[in-house]
Protein backbone atom coordinates (compact mmCIF):
# COMPACT_ATOMS: atom_id res chain seq x y z
CA UNK A 1 72.02 146.37 72.43
CA UNK A 2 73.74 143.86 71.35
CA UNK A 3 75.92 141.21 73.74
CA UNK A 4 79.17 144.03 74.54
CA UNK A 5 76.42 146.71 75.31
CA UNK A 6 74.43 143.95 77.61
CA UNK A 7 77.69 142.57 79.49
CA UNK A 8 78.80 145.60 80.47
CA UNK A 9 75.73 146.80 81.98
CA UNK A 10 75.63 143.17 83.53
CA UNK A 11 79.22 143.90 85.10
CA UNK A 12 78.13 147.46 86.13
CA UNK A 13 74.67 147.01 87.84
CA UNK A 14 76.82 143.51 89.55
CA UNK A 15 79.11 146.34 90.75
CA UNK A 16 76.35 148.61 91.80
CA UNK A 17 74.01 145.90 93.65
CA UNK A 18 77.11 144.70 95.44
CA UNK A 19 77.87 147.93 96.73
CA UNK A 20 78.12 148.57 100.48
CA UNK A 21 76.40 152.43 99.52
CA UNK A 22 73.69 150.48 97.38
CA UNK A 23 70.52 150.11 98.76
CA UNK A 24 68.16 148.41 96.59
CA UNK A 25 65.25 146.22 96.68
CA UNK A 26 64.00 144.08 94.03
CA UNK A 27 59.80 143.96 94.04
CA UNK A 28 59.37 139.60 93.33
CA UNK A 29 61.50 136.90 92.90
CA UNK A 30 64.58 139.52 94.54
CA UNK A 31 66.82 136.44 95.42
CA UNK A 32 65.93 135.09 91.51
CA UNK A 33 67.32 138.56 90.15
CA UNK A 34 70.32 139.16 92.62
CA UNK A 35 71.32 135.17 91.63
CA UNK A 36 71.01 136.03 87.78
CA UNK A 37 73.09 139.64 88.56
CA UNK A 38 75.83 137.80 90.32
CA UNK A 39 76.59 134.94 88.26
CA UNK A 40 74.91 135.72 84.57
CA UNK A 41 74.84 133.40 82.30
CA UNK A 42 76.79 133.63 79.40
CA UNK A 43 77.70 132.26 75.72
CA UNK A 44 81.05 130.01 75.54
CA UNK A 45 82.81 132.88 74.68
CA UNK A 46 81.55 135.03 77.89
CA UNK A 47 79.27 137.44 77.50
CA UNK A 48 75.54 137.89 78.40
CA UNK A 49 72.86 138.13 75.55
CA UNK A 50 69.77 139.86 76.35
CA UNK A 51 67.82 137.04 75.51
CA UNK A 52 69.04 135.40 78.35
CA UNK A 53 67.99 137.67 81.31
CA UNK A 54 64.38 137.70 83.15
CA UNK A 55 62.36 140.82 82.43
CA UNK A 56 63.35 142.08 85.94
CA UNK A 57 67.01 141.83 85.24
CA UNK A 58 66.57 143.73 81.51
CA UNK A 59 64.33 146.25 83.50
CA UNK A 60 67.37 147.60 85.55
CA UNK A 61 69.61 147.20 82.58
CA UNK A 62 67.56 149.85 80.91
CA UNK A 63 67.30 151.96 84.08
CA UNK A 64 71.29 151.94 84.24
CA UNK A 65 70.87 153.18 80.61
CA UNK A 66 68.55 156.23 81.02
CA UNK A 67 70.47 157.33 83.74
CA UNK A 68 73.43 157.25 82.03
CA UNK A 69 72.31 159.89 79.21
């Protein structure tokens, strides 16, 4: 995935986990993951790169991609 795709997926993931209709439980480091999703690390142009993210967050992004297919 390029930085545009990762940034878009992070926006989708943020919207999903902050929805009152969503009940997501993240095992291991949950608070860190929620913080990373709500305030993702970005480059100077505001894009999120996949290599900036924790493995759990990368996995959640991959799940979103598969769900869309």
